[in-house]
Amino acid sequence: MLPFLNRFLKSNSFTRNTRSKRKLYQAGNSISQVQLLEERRLLAGMLTSDDVIVRSGDNAPNLDTGNNDGNFSNFSEEPIINESGLVLFQANVTGSLTSSNSGLFQGSSAGTILNITRQKQPVPAIQEGTLYDGISGSASLIPLPFNDSGQAVFVDRFNGANYWENTGIFLGSNGNGPLLLVQEGSDAPGATNGSTNGKFDDLENTYVTVNNSGRVAFRTDLYDTDNGNADNRVIFSSDANGNLIEIVREGQLIPGSTTNGFNDFYYMSINNAGQVAFWGHTLNSSVPDGIYISNGDGSPLRVVMQEGEAFGSLISSSLINEAGDIAFRSHVDEGDNGTIVRSVFVVAGNGTLKELARNGDILPDNEIYYDSGLEDLVLNNRGDVVFTGKDALNNKVLFRSDDGSGRSDLK
């Protein structure tokens, strides 16, 4: 763990036990801002000079090990840290002798900066191919485009001989890559093994992520599909051999229905077992949205939750963790008085549902939990969930529920 992260987590200013729920941060404390993002992303605050990874003006590494080419000028606002303590960041470079003015870089806590990919880097799979930018398509889109082995998945355009469809999904690491995984214009797999249905459209804004085995998952659009605009949105993942598998496609029937299909997909993530979770939106506005899990092998989807009798409208969901757990916010009808309130839930990998917090819950210190109106929530591999709420004075409060403890532990 990086030193400043360790100090943050141990600071008494940010941890006050409330049995299973812990108040992490309240607006108005001495630290004016805490930027708590997904647990694999940087936390701002409490930094010292020892925690600096890179500064503007530092030498930018070339593709050749041990050489430099230009100086860093500015950085992405969304760096990512993996479990190995390596930091992935986007950067622009000035003074490059090869006009390689942007790229993805890896930094360690020891201050070593290595190249993942740079503008004009050769693409072996493309005749005369070179990367156009090295960072296009927002390489820092969550969830987890940087695994613990130091592999980063990213989208970029490329230059090459006789290529008009010039976007691709790449996998890169220091000393390896970029490996072209998916190319615009190539055939897309169909639902049946060995079949195809459509071609990959422009990939530049594709939502893509990677697990620790190097397996990727992404949501993209296709063209020349069997049913045109009725089946051209798809989530794919790759298997252990790099082959693409169709996870779910627009128009595919939702589990439990014989007439209604999916229309679009959000909050997609993949865990190290290759399970892919997503929020599925339906074609018919009267048919409920839901959260679903695929085992990543073409087997039927599993329902995590669907809007309906038990839940009101879905608000947001977390990434899937290694145990197959998913946390989500949803509206709930309290029944007796018809009041609709917002609640936080977690569904374990075995299907067990727990409600973590509901608007109006009384905490162990006799404070009242009020929903923040935000969509944020974070789930780690142990099952701890972090989310924002409010107190009676309307201060924003950051809460943590340990290991999926239920509402009974809050009162």
Protein backbone atom coordinates (compact mmCIF):
# COMPACT_ATOMS: atom_id res chain seq x y z
CA MET A 1 0.00 0.00 0.00
CA LEU A 2 1.29 3.46 -0.81
CA PRO A 3 2.29 5.43 2.30
CA PHE A 4 -0.29 8.17 1.95
CA LEU A 5 -3.08 5.60 1.49
CA ASN A 6 -1.97 3.81 4.64
CA ARG A 7 -1.96 7.07 6.62
CA PHE A 8 -5.39 7.95 5.26
CA LEU A 9 -6.94 4.67 6.32
CA LYS A 10 -5.42 4.84 9.82
CA SER A 11 -6.28 8.48 10.50
CA ASN A 12 -8.64 8.95 13.46
CA SER A 13 -10.03 12.00 11.67
CA PHE A 14 -11.62 9.70 9.15
CA THR A 15 -12.62 6.58 11.08
CA ARG A 16 -15.16 6.49 13.87
CA ASN A 17 -16.66 3.09 14.65
CA THR A 18 -20.44 2.81 14.65
CA ARG A 19 -20.56 -0.97 15.11
CA SER A 20 -20.88 -2.42 11.59
CA LYS A 21 -21.22 0.97 9.95
CA ARG A 22 -18.35 3.43 10.09
CA LYS A 23 -18.50 7.14 9.38
CA LEU A 24 -15.49 7.83 7.20
CA TYR A 25 -15.84 11.50 6.40
CA GLN A 26 -18.20 14.36 7.14
CA ALA A 27 -18.23 17.68 5.32
CA GLY A 28 -16.88 20.41 7.59
CA ASN A 29 -13.99 18.38 9.07
CA SER A 30 -10.48 19.84 9.04
CA ILE A 31 -9.68 18.21 5.69
CA SER A 32 -11.81 20.20 3.27
CA GLN A 33 -12.02 17.63 0.50
CA VAL A 34 -11.65 13.88 0.26
CA GLN A 35 -11.93 12.38 -3.17
CA LEU A 36 -12.99 8.79 -2.54
CA LEU A 37 -13.24 6.99 -5.85
CA GLU A 38 -13.17 3.29 -6.73
CA GLU A 39 -10.74 1.58 -4.34
CA ARG A 40 -8.21 1.10 -7.16
CA ARG A 41 -8.02 4.82 -7.84
CA LEU A 42 -5.99 7.49 -6.07
CA LEU A 43 -7.17 9.26 -2.94
CA ALA A 44 -6.40 12.97 -2.82
CA GLY A 45 -5.07 14.51 0.38
CA MET A 46 -2.35 14.01 3.01
CA LEU A 47 0.47 13.85 0.45
CA THR A 48 4.15 14.46 1.12
CA SER A 49 7.08 14.79 -1.27
CA ASP A 50 7.81 11.08 -0.75
CA ASP A 51 4.45 10.24 -2.31
CA VAL A 52 5.04 12.07 -5.60
CA ILE A 53 4.97 9.66 -8.55
CA VAL A 54 5.82 12.10 -11.34
CA ARG A 55 5.95 15.85 -11.96
CA SER A 56 5.52 17.95 -15.07
CA GLY A 57 8.96 18.58 -16.51
CA ASP A 58 10.25 15.10 -15.59
CA ASN A 59 11.78 13.00 -18.36
CA ALA A 60 9.29 10.85 -20.29
CA PRO A 61 10.55 7.33 -21.12
CA ASN A 62 10.85 6.32 -24.74
CA LEU A 63 9.83 2.93 -26.07
CA ASP A 64 13.45 1.83 -25.67
CA THR A 65 14.26 0.77 -22.11
CA GLY A 66 16.57 3.23 -20.39
CA ASN A 67 16.07 6.06 -22.88
CA ASN A 68 14.00 9.24 -22.65
CA ASP A 69 12.15 11.25 -25.27
CA GLY A 70 10.74 14.60 -24.16
CA ASN A 71 9.29 15.84 -20.88
CA PHE A 72 5.90 15.43 -19.23
CA SER A 73 3.72 18.50 -19.59
CA ASN A 74 0.32 17.60 -18.09
CA PHE A 75 -1.47 14.54 -16.78
CA SER A 76 -4.86 12.90 -16.87
CA GLU A 77 -7.24 13.78 -14.05
CA GLU A 78 -8.00 10.06 -13.58
CA PRO A 79 -4.91 8.01 -12.67
CA ILE A 80 -5.49 4.44 -11.49
CA ILE A 81 -3.61 2.36 -8.91
CA ASN A 82 -3.61 -1.45 -8.93
CA GLU A 83 -3.18 -3.92 -6.08
CA SER A 84 0.55 -4.15 -6.84
CA GLY A 85 0.96 -0.43 -6.13
CA LEU A 86 1.58 0.50 -9.77
CA VAL A 87 -0.05 3.68 -11.05
CA LEU A 88 -1.38 4.05 -14.60
CA PHE A 89 -1.64 7.59 -15.93
CA GLN A 90 -2.17 9.42 -19.19
CA ALA A 91 0.18 12.24 -20.08
CA ASN A 92 1.11 14.71 -22.79
CA VAL A 93 4.79 15.15 -23.66
CA THR A 94 6.67 18.16 -24.99
CA GLY A 95 10.04 18.21 -26.72
CA SER A 96 9.79 14.72 -28.19
CA LEU A 97 12.37 14.18 -30.94
CA THR A 98 10.02 11.67 -32.61
CA SER A 99 6.85 13.83 -32.25
CA SER A 100 5.47 11.22 -29.85
CA ASN A 101 3.49 13.73 -27.84
CA SER A 102 1.16 11.57 -25.71
CA GLY A 103 0.90 8.15 -24.12
CA LEU A 104 0.11 5.85 -21.23
CA PHE A 105 2.72 5.41 -18.52
CA GLN A 106 3.25 3.29 -15.42
CA GLY A 107 4.69 4.66 -12.19
CA SER A 108 5.84 2.84 -9.07
CA SER A 109 6.07 4.02 -5.46
CA ALA A 110 9.87 4.00 -5.92
CA GLY A 111 9.51 6.71 -8.56
CA THR A 112 10.30 4.52 -11.59
CA ILE A 113 8.35 5.59 -14.68
CA LEU A 114 7.90 3.11 -17.53
CA ASN A 115 6.18 3.34 -20.88
CA ILE A 116 2.99 1.38 -21.59
CA THR A 117 2.24 2.92 -24.97
CA ARG A 118 3.09 6.10 -26.88
CA GLN A 119 1.88 7.94 -29.92
CA LYS A 120 3.50 6.55 -33.11
CA GLN A 121 4.33 3.26 -31.41
CA PRO A 122 4.35 0.42 -34.02
CA VAL A 123 1.31 -1.89 -34.15
CA PRO A 124 2.65 -5.30 -35.29
CA ALA A 125 -0.76 -6.59 -36.47
CA ILE A 126 -1.26 -3.68 -38.90
CA GLN A 127 0.75 -3.19 -42.07
CA GLU A 128 2.86 -0.06 -41.50
CA GLY A 129 0.69 0.48 -38.44
CA THR A 130 1.40 3.01 -35.68
CA LEU A 131 -0.76 4.31 -32.82
CA TYR A 132 -2.42 7.63 -33.54
CA ASP A 133 -2.47 9.00 -29.97
CA GLY A 134 -1.67 6.25 -27.50
CA ILE A 135 -4.42 7.43 -25.15
CA SER A 136 -7.64 8.06 -27.06
CA GLY A 137 -10.91 6.57 -25.85
CA SER A 138 -10.34 7.60 -22.20
CA ALA A 139 -8.01 4.85 -21.02
CA SER A 140 -8.92 5.74 -17.44
CA LEU A 141 -12.57 4.82 -17.76
CA ILE A 142 -13.51 2.70 -14.77
CA PRO A 143 -13.85 -0.14 -13.95
CA LEU A 144 -10.33 -1.51 -13.73
CA PRO A 145 -8.65 -1.00 -17.12
CA PHE A 146 -5.31 -1.74 -15.39
CA ASN A 147 -4.73 -5.16 -13.82
CA ASP A 148 -2.36 -6.31 -11.11
CA SER A 149 0.13 -7.64 -13.67
CA GLY A 150 0.55 -4.14 -15.11
CA GLN A 151 -1.52 -4.78 -18.23
CA ALA A 152 -3.62 -1.85 -19.48
CA VAL A 153 -6.45 -2.14 -21.96
CA PHE A 154 -7.10 0.93 -24.09
CA VAL A 155 -8.69 2.20 -27.28
CA ASP A 156 -6.91 4.18 -29.96
CA ARG A 157 -6.90 5.04 -33.63
CA PHE A 158 -4.01 3.85 -35.75
CA ASN A 159 -2.27 4.80 -38.96
CA GLY A 160 -1.58 2.09 -41.51
CA ALA A 161 -1.50 1.14 -45.16
CA ASN A 162 -4.97 0.85 -46.74
CA TYR A 163 -6.93 0.98 -43.48
CA TRP A 164 -10.05 3.14 -43.46
CA GLU A 165 -11.59 1.50 -40.41
CA ASN A 166 -8.83 2.51 -38.08
CA THR A 167 -9.86 2.09 -34.44
CA GLY A 168 -9.01 -0.82 -32.18
CA ILE A 169 -8.95 -2.19 -28.66
CA PHE A 170 -5.40 -2.91 -27.49
CA LEU A 171 -3.72 -4.59 -24.54
CA GLY A 172 -0.37 -3.16 -23.51
CA SER A 173 2.24 -3.47 -20.79
CA ASN A 174 5.81 -2.33 -20.37
CA GLY A 175 7.88 -4.22 -22.93
CA ASN A 176 4.87 -5.93 -24.54
CA GLY A 177 2.35 -4.68 -27.05
CA PRO A 178 0.34 -3.08 -28.16
CA LEU A 179 -1.56 -6.30 -28.84
CA LEU A 180 -4.54 -5.64 -31.12
CA LEU A 181 -7.54 -7.43 -29.58
CA VAL A 182 -10.42 -6.05 -31.67
CA GLN A 183 -10.33 -4.06 -34.90
CA GLU A 184 -13.05 -1.84 -36.35
CA GLY A 185 -14.63 -3.54 -39.37
CA SER A 186 -13.77 -7.09 -38.28
CA ASP A 187 -16.49 -9.73 -37.88
CA ALA A 188 -18.25 -9.84 -34.52
CA PRO A 189 -19.11 -13.19 -32.89
CA GLY A 190 -22.73 -14.28 -32.78
CA ALA A 191 -24.62 -16.03 -29.99
CA THR A 192 -23.76 -19.49 -31.37
CA ASN A 193 -20.18 -20.71 -31.17
CA GLY A 194 -18.45 -20.13 -34.50
CA SER A 195 -21.16 -17.85 -35.89
CA THR A 196 -20.88 -14.14 -36.68
CA ASN A 197 -23.45 -11.35 -36.55
CA GLY A 198 -22.31 -7.91 -37.66
CA LYS A 199 -19.04 -6.01 -37.79
CA PHE A 200 -17.42 -3.80 -35.17
CA ASP A 201 -18.27 -0.12 -35.62
CA ASP A 202 -16.01 2.80 -34.60
CA LEU A 203 -14.46 1.68 -31.29
CA GLU A 204 -13.02 5.01 -30.11
CA ASN A 205 -15.52 5.55 -27.27
CA THR A 206 -15.89 1.89 -26.34
CA TYR A 207 -16.30 1.08 -22.63
CA VAL A 208 -13.66 -1.60 -21.93
CA THR A 209 -12.02 -3.22 -18.88
CA VAL A 210 -9.62 -6.08 -18.05
CA ASN A 211 -9.19 -8.63 -15.26
CA ASN A 212 -5.99 -10.05 -13.76
CA SER A 213 -5.88 -12.85 -16.32
CA GLY A 214 -5.86 -10.38 -19.19
CA ARG A 215 -9.46 -11.20 -20.13
CA VAL A 216 -11.32 -8.13 -21.36
CA ALA A 217 -14.97 -7.11 -21.40
CA PHE A 218 -16.48 -4.26 -23.39
CA ARG A 219 -19.78 -2.81 -24.56
CA THR A 220 -19.82 -1.68 -28.18
CA ASP A 221 -21.93 -0.98 -31.27
CA LEU A 222 -21.95 -3.02 -34.48
CA TYR A 223 -23.09 -2.53 -38.07
CA ASP A 224 -24.41 -4.98 -40.71
CA THR A 225 -26.12 -7.07 -38.03
CA ASP A 226 -28.98 -9.47 -38.82
CA ASN A 227 -31.64 -7.08 -37.48
CA GLY A 228 -30.05 -3.66 -37.98
CA ASN A 229 -30.65 -1.23 -35.13
CA ALA A 230 -32.59 -3.88 -33.21
CA ASP A 231 -29.52 -6.00 -32.35
CA ASN A 232 -26.43 -3.82 -32.79
CA ARG A 233 -25.50 -3.13 -29.13
CA VAL A 234 -23.51 -5.92 -27.50
CA ILE A 235 -21.32 -6.80 -24.52
CA PHE A 236 -18.41 -9.10 -25.35
CA SER A 237 -15.73 -10.71 -23.22
CA SER A 238 -12.68 -12.75 -24.09
CA ASP A 239 -11.89 -16.26 -22.90
CA ALA A 240 -8.55 -17.57 -21.62
CA ASN A 241 -7.36 -18.03 -25.23
CA GLY A 242 -8.32 -14.51 -26.31
CA ASN A 243 -11.42 -15.60 -28.25
CA LEU A 244 -14.39 -13.22 -28.04
CA ILE A 245 -17.66 -14.43 -26.51
CA GLU A 246 -21.02 -12.69 -26.85
CA ILE A 247 -22.33 -12.00 -23.32
CA VAL A 248 -25.60 -10.23 -24.17
CA ARG A 249 -27.04 -8.48 -27.22
CA GLU A 250 -29.72 -5.86 -27.81
CA GLY A 251 -33.02 -7.63 -28.51
CA GLN A 252 -32.05 -10.72 -26.52
CA LEU A 253 -34.92 -11.81 -24.25
CA ILE A 254 -34.50 -10.89 -20.61
CA PRO A 255 -34.49 -13.88 -18.21
CA GLY A 256 -38.04 -14.90 -17.36
CA SER A 257 -39.66 -13.22 -20.37
CA THR A 258 -40.81 -14.70 -23.68
CA THR A 259 -41.58 -11.39 -25.36
CA ASN A 260 -39.39 -8.56 -24.00
CA GLY A 261 -35.74 -7.97 -24.80
CA PHE A 262 -32.80 -5.81 -23.76
CA ASN A 263 -32.28 -2.38 -25.29
CA ASP A 264 -28.99 -1.20 -23.73
CA PHE A 265 -26.43 -1.96 -21.02
CA TYR A 266 -24.66 0.04 -18.28
CA TYR A 267 -22.30 -0.43 -15.27
CA MET A 268 -20.45 -3.34 -16.89
CA SER A 269 -17.60 -5.07 -15.01
CA ILE A 270 -15.63 -8.33 -15.03
CA ASN A 271 -14.01 -10.18 -12.12
CA ASN A 272 -11.04 -12.55 -12.14
CA ALA A 273 -13.30 -15.59 -12.55
CA GLY A 274 -14.48 -14.10 -15.84
CA GLN A 275 -17.97 -13.29 -14.55
CA VAL A 276 -19.44 -10.23 -16.27
CA ALA A 277 -22.06 -8.11 -14.48
CA PHE A 278 -24.16 -5.36 -16.06
CA TRP A 279 -27.29 -3.27 -15.70
CA GLY A 280 -29.72 -4.24 -18.46
CA HIS A 281 -32.24 -1.76 -19.85
CA THR A 282 -35.32 -3.13 -21.62
CA LEU A 283 -37.06 -2.32 -24.88
CA ASN A 284 -40.44 -1.79 -23.24
CA SER A 285 -40.64 1.02 -20.67
CA SER A 286 -43.24 -0.99 -18.74
CA VAL A 287 -40.79 -3.90 -18.36
CA PRO A 288 -38.36 -3.57 -15.45
CA ASP A 289 -34.64 -2.93 -15.72
CA GLY A 290 -32.34 -5.23 -13.76
CA ILE A 291 -28.83 -6.33 -12.85
CA TYR A 292 -27.54 -9.55 -14.43
CA ILE A 293 -24.45 -11.76 -14.30
CA SER A 294 -22.94 -13.91 -17.03
CA ASN A 295 -20.39 -16.60 -16.24
CA GLY A 296 -18.52 -15.49 -19.36
CA ASP A 297 -18.92 -18.83 -21.12
CA GLY A 298 -22.14 -18.37 -23.08
CA SER A 299 -24.32 -19.94 -20.37
CA PRO A 300 -27.70 -18.33 -19.47
CA LEU A 301 -27.72 -15.05 -17.57
CA ARG A 302 -28.37 -15.01 -13.82
CA VAL A 303 -30.72 -12.40 -12.35
CA VAL A 304 -29.28 -10.36 -9.46
CA MET A 305 -32.30 -8.09 -9.14
CA GLN A 306 -35.17 -6.81 -11.27
CA GLU A 307 -37.35 -3.80 -10.70
CA GLY A 308 -40.83 -4.81 -9.68
CA GLU A 309 -42.64 -5.96 -6.56
CA ALA A 310 -39.56 -6.10 -4.30
CA PHE A 311 -37.76 -3.06 -5.67
CA GLY A 312 -38.72 0.24 -7.21
CA SER A 313 -36.59 1.82 -9.90
CA LEU A 314 -32.90 0.94 -9.97
CA ILE A 315 -30.58 3.88 -9.24
CA SER A 316 -27.03 2.56 -9.59
CA SER A 317 -24.89 -0.53 -9.11
CA SER A 318 -21.31 -1.33 -8.17
CA LEU A 319 -18.67 -3.43 -9.86
CA ILE A 320 -18.80 -7.18 -9.33
CA ASN A 321 -16.21 -8.37 -6.79
CA GLU A 322 -14.25 -11.64 -6.74
CA ALA A 323 -16.92 -13.41 -4.68
CA GLY A 324 -19.60 -12.46 -7.21
CA ASP A 325 -21.20 -9.86 -4.89
CA ILE A 326 -22.85 -6.73 -6.28
CA ALA A 327 -24.08 -3.66 -4.38
CA PHE A 328 -26.80 -1.36 -5.69
CA ARG A 329 -29.06 1.55 -4.81
CA SER A 330 -32.78 1.20 -5.47
CA HIS A 331 -36.07 2.83 -4.59
CA VAL A 332 -38.26 0.85 -2.18
CA ASP A 333 -41.99 1.16 -1.50
CA GLU A 334 -42.41 1.14 2.29
CA GLY A 335 -45.90 -0.23 1.78
CA ASP A 336 -48.02 0.99 4.71
CA ASN A 337 -48.06 4.66 3.78
CA GLY A 338 -47.01 4.36 0.13
CA THR A 339 -43.76 6.23 0.75
CA ILE A 340 -40.98 5.60 -1.79
CA VAL A 341 -37.51 5.75 -0.24
CA ARG A 342 -33.97 5.12 -1.44
CA SER A 343 -32.05 2.15 -0.01
CA VAL A 344 -28.64 0.52 -0.39
CA PHE A 345 -28.47 -3.26 -0.92
CA VAL A 346 -25.88 -5.94 -1.54
CA VAL A 347 -26.50 -9.31 -3.20
CA ALA A 348 -23.92 -11.97 -2.35
CA GLY A 349 -22.57 -14.38 -4.92
CA ASN A 350 -24.81 -17.08 -3.43
CA GLY A 351 -27.90 -14.93 -4.03
CA THR A 352 -28.39 -13.73 -0.45
CA LEU A 353 -29.89 -10.22 -0.36
CA LYS A 354 -29.10 -7.74 2.43
CA GLU A 355 -30.38 -4.21 2.85
CA LEU A 356 -27.56 -2.06 4.24
CA ALA A 357 -29.22 1.32 4.77
CA ARG A 358 -32.61 2.95 4.28
CA ASN A 359 -33.50 6.60 4.53
CA GLY A 360 -34.45 7.32 8.18
CA ASP A 361 -32.43 4.49 9.77
CA ILE A 362 -31.11 5.29 13.26
CA LEU A 363 -27.38 4.72 13.70
CA PRO A 364 -25.78 3.36 16.91
CA ASP A 365 -24.82 6.88 18.05
CA ASN A 366 -28.49 7.95 17.66
CA GLU A 367 -27.81 9.90 14.50
CA ILE A 368 -30.27 9.43 11.66
CA TYR A 369 -29.13 8.23 8.23
CA TYR A 370 -30.52 10.23 5.32
CA ASP A 371 -29.93 9.31 1.71
CA SER A 372 -27.59 11.72 -0.11
CA GLY A 373 -29.47 11.66 -3.41
CA LEU A 374 -26.25 10.58 -5.11
CA GLU A 375 -25.58 7.38 -7.06
CA ASP A 376 -22.15 6.53 -5.68
CA LEU A 377 -21.27 3.29 -3.94
CA VAL A 378 -18.12 1.14 -3.83
CA LEU A 379 -17.76 -2.57 -3.03
CA ASN A 380 -14.48 -4.33 -2.23
CA ASN A 381 -13.58 -8.03 -2.36
CA ARG A 382 -14.30 -8.54 1.36
CA GLY A 383 -17.86 -7.31 0.88
CA ASP A 384 -17.44 -3.88 2.52
CA VAL A 385 -19.58 -1.17 0.92
CA VAL A 386 -18.86 2.57 1.02
CA PHE A 387 -21.50 5.15 0.08
CA THR A 388 -22.54 8.72 0.86
CA GLY A 389 -25.42 9.83 3.02
CA LYS A 390 -26.45 12.93 4.97
CA ASP A 391 -27.01 13.83 8.60
CA ALA A 392 -29.80 15.88 10.15
CA LEU A 393 -27.90 19.12 9.38
CA ASN A 394 -27.69 18.18 5.68
CA ASN A 395 -23.94 17.54 5.88
CA LYS A 396 -22.64 14.98 3.41
CA VAL A 397 -21.34 11.91 5.26
CA LEU A 398 -19.32 8.99 3.88
CA PHE A 399 -20.44 5.67 5.38
CA ARG A 400 -18.97 2.18 5.35
CA SER A 401 -20.86 -1.04 5.97
CA ASP A 402 -18.47 -3.83 6.95
CA ASP A 403 -18.76 -7.15 5.15
CA GLY A 404 -22.32 -6.57 3.94
CA SER A 405 -23.83 -6.21 7.44
CA GLY A 406 -27.55 -5.57 7.36
CA ARG A 407 -29.81 -2.83 8.70
CA SER A 408 -30.32 -4.69 11.99
CA ASP A 409 -26.76 -3.81 12.90
CA LEU A 410 -27.38 -0.12 12.37
CA LYS A 411 -29.97 0.44 15.04
